Amino acid sequence: MDKPQRMKVLVVDNERGFASILADHLTSRKITAESVYSGKEALSYIPHFKPDVIVLDLQMPDMSGLEVLSRVKDTDPAIEVILLTGNASFDAGIACMQLGAFDYIFKPVDLDELITHISNAYHKKMRGE
């Protein structure tokens, strides 16, 4: 009998402390979580890790979260992506949703609230919506 698959979450944020804390918090809740610190690192990590959900910072030094989101959705549209931003913009929010983001959330964010969004994104993926 196959073991049920654990949710896999990739946290992508150049704020290393935030990314590590979130990944540790997810791991403590029996979620497989990894963190990377740039868009390029994320794009090279995704094919091997195969995340169900990506929590992605909108503004990173090497490439924007929008560009990463676009590439992720081109490669694997089933991966759900939640964008985080410290600099909220209506236009960026619209662009995120048009590119297929599951959600667009403002920092600072309560970790338990973020985990609820991650869980909702995972369940949407599992339903195949």
Protein backbone atom coordinates (compact mmCIF):
# COMPACT_ATOMS: atom_id res chain seq x y z
CA MET A 1 0.00 0.00 0.00
CA ASP A 2 1.35 3.43 -0.95
CA LYS A 3 2.12 5.90 1.78
CA PRO A 4 0.18 9.16 1.40
CA GLN A 5 2.33 11.90 -0.07
CA ARG A 6 3.28 14.76 2.22
CA MET A 7 2.75 18.27 1.01
CA LYS A 8 5.94 19.76 -0.45
CA VAL A 9 6.50 23.52 -0.17
CA LEU A 10 9.37 25.56 -1.59
CA VAL A 11 9.99 28.93 0.09
CA VAL A 12 11.77 31.45 -2.15
CA ASP A 13 12.84 34.66 -0.46
CA ASN A 14 16.10 36.61 -0.40
CA GLU A 15 15.41 37.36 3.28
CA ARG A 16 17.21 34.23 4.47
CA GLY A 17 15.96 34.48 8.05
CA PHE A 18 12.31 34.65 6.98
CA ALA A 19 12.70 31.82 4.46
CA SER A 20 14.44 29.55 6.97
CA ILE A 21 11.98 30.27 9.76
CA LEU A 22 9.00 29.59 7.48
CA ALA A 23 10.53 26.33 6.18
CA ASP A 24 11.27 25.22 9.76
CA HIS A 25 7.74 26.15 10.86
CA LEU A 26 6.26 24.11 7.98
CA THR A 27 8.53 21.15 8.76
CA SER A 28 7.36 21.19 12.38
CA ARG A 29 3.83 20.72 11.00
CA LYS A 30 4.83 17.58 9.08
CA ILE A 31 5.11 19.43 5.75
CA THR A 32 8.17 18.78 3.59
CA ALA A 33 9.67 22.23 3.13
CA GLU A 34 12.85 23.64 1.65
CA SER A 35 14.05 27.21 1.26
CA VAL A 36 16.11 28.90 -1.45
CA TYR A 37 17.14 32.51 -1.63
CA SER A 38 16.87 33.67 -5.25
CA GLY A 39 14.73 33.27 -8.33
CA LYS A 40 17.48 31.52 -10.28
CA GLU A 41 18.10 29.12 -7.41
CA ALA A 42 14.36 28.35 -7.29
CA LEU A 43 14.12 27.62 -11.00
CA SER A 44 17.02 25.18 -10.83
CA TYR A 45 15.69 23.54 -7.63
CA ILE A 46 12.06 23.01 -8.71
CA PRO A 47 12.62 20.11 -11.18
CA HIS A 48 14.36 18.04 -8.48
CA PHE A 49 12.23 18.97 -5.46
CA LYS A 50 8.87 18.95 -7.32
CA PRO A 51 6.96 21.23 -4.91
CA ASP A 52 3.18 21.30 -4.67
CA VAL A 53 3.21 24.92 -3.49
CA ILE A 54 5.77 27.71 -3.82
CA VAL A 55 5.81 30.69 -1.48
CA LEU A 56 7.58 33.32 -3.54
CA ASP A 57 8.84 36.80 -2.70
CA LEU A 58 7.83 39.34 -5.33
CA GLN A 59 10.99 41.43 -5.12
CA MET A 60 14.35 39.72 -5.26
CA PRO A 61 17.66 41.07 -6.53
CA ASP A 62 18.29 38.55 -9.33
CA MET A 63 14.85 38.33 -10.94
CA SER A 64 11.34 39.37 -10.05
CA GLY A 65 8.81 37.05 -8.53
CA LEU A 66 6.61 37.74 -11.56
CA GLU A 67 9.28 36.34 -13.87
CA VAL A 68 9.74 33.27 -11.66
CA LEU A 69 5.95 32.80 -11.49
CA SER A 70 5.67 33.00 -15.28
CA ARG A 71 8.41 30.42 -15.80
CA VAL A 72 6.98 28.07 -13.17
CA LYS A 73 3.52 28.20 -14.75
CA ASP A 74 5.00 27.65 -18.24
CA THR A 75 6.87 24.59 -16.98
CA ASP A 76 4.28 23.10 -14.60
CA PRO A 77 0.92 24.88 -14.35
CA ALA A 78 -0.21 22.52 -11.55
CA ILE A 79 2.23 24.05 -9.04
CA GLU A 80 0.38 26.58 -6.91
CA VAL A 81 2.28 29.81 -6.23
CA ILE A 82 1.66 32.28 -3.42
CA LEU A 83 3.36 35.65 -3.90
CA LEU A 84 4.51 37.66 -0.88
CA THR A 85 5.36 41.33 -1.00
CA GLY A 86 6.46 44.03 1.37
CA ASN A 87 5.62 46.70 -1.23
CA ALA A 88 2.01 46.13 -2.16
CA SER A 89 0.90 47.40 -5.54
CA PHE A 90 -2.48 47.00 -7.19
CA ASP A 91 -0.84 46.52 -10.60
CA ALA A 92 1.52 43.83 -9.30
CA GLY A 93 -1.42 42.05 -7.65
CA ILE A 94 -3.34 42.03 -10.93
CA ALA A 95 -0.27 40.80 -12.83
CA CYS A 96 0.26 37.98 -10.32
CA MET A 97 -3.30 36.76 -10.66
CA GLN A 98 -3.22 37.02 -14.46
CA LEU A 99 -0.09 34.86 -14.50
CA GLY A 100 -1.87 32.21 -12.43
CA ALA A 101 -0.82 32.90 -8.84
CA PHE A 102 -2.98 31.27 -6.17
CA ASP A 103 -2.71 34.30 -3.90
CA TYR A 104 -0.96 37.65 -3.35
CA ILE A 105 -0.19 38.37 0.31
CA PHE A 106 1.33 41.38 2.03
CA LYS A 107 4.25 41.18 4.46
CA PRO A 108 4.46 41.08 7.36
CA VAL A 109 2.23 38.02 7.44
CA ASP A 110 1.16 35.90 10.38
CA LEU A 111 2.77 32.46 9.93
CA ASP A 112 -0.38 30.56 10.91
CA GLU A 113 -2.42 32.60 8.43
CA LEU A 114 0.18 31.93 5.72
CA ILE A 115 0.07 28.20 6.49
CA THR A 116 -3.72 28.31 6.00
CA HIS A 117 -3.18 29.86 2.54
CA ILE A 118 -0.54 27.21 1.75
CA SER A 119 -2.92 24.43 2.83
CA ASN A 120 -5.71 25.89 0.68
CA ALA A 121 -3.36 26.07 -2.33
CA TYR A 122 -2.30 22.45 -1.77
CA HIS A 123 -5.90 21.25 -1.56
CA LYS A 124 -6.74 23.10 -4.78
CA LYS A 125 -3.82 21.37 -6.51
CA MET A 126 -4.90 17.96 -5.19
CA ARG A 127 -8.46 18.55 -6.49
CA GLY A 128 -6.96 19.30 -9.92
CA GLU A 129 -8.67 22.69 -10.27
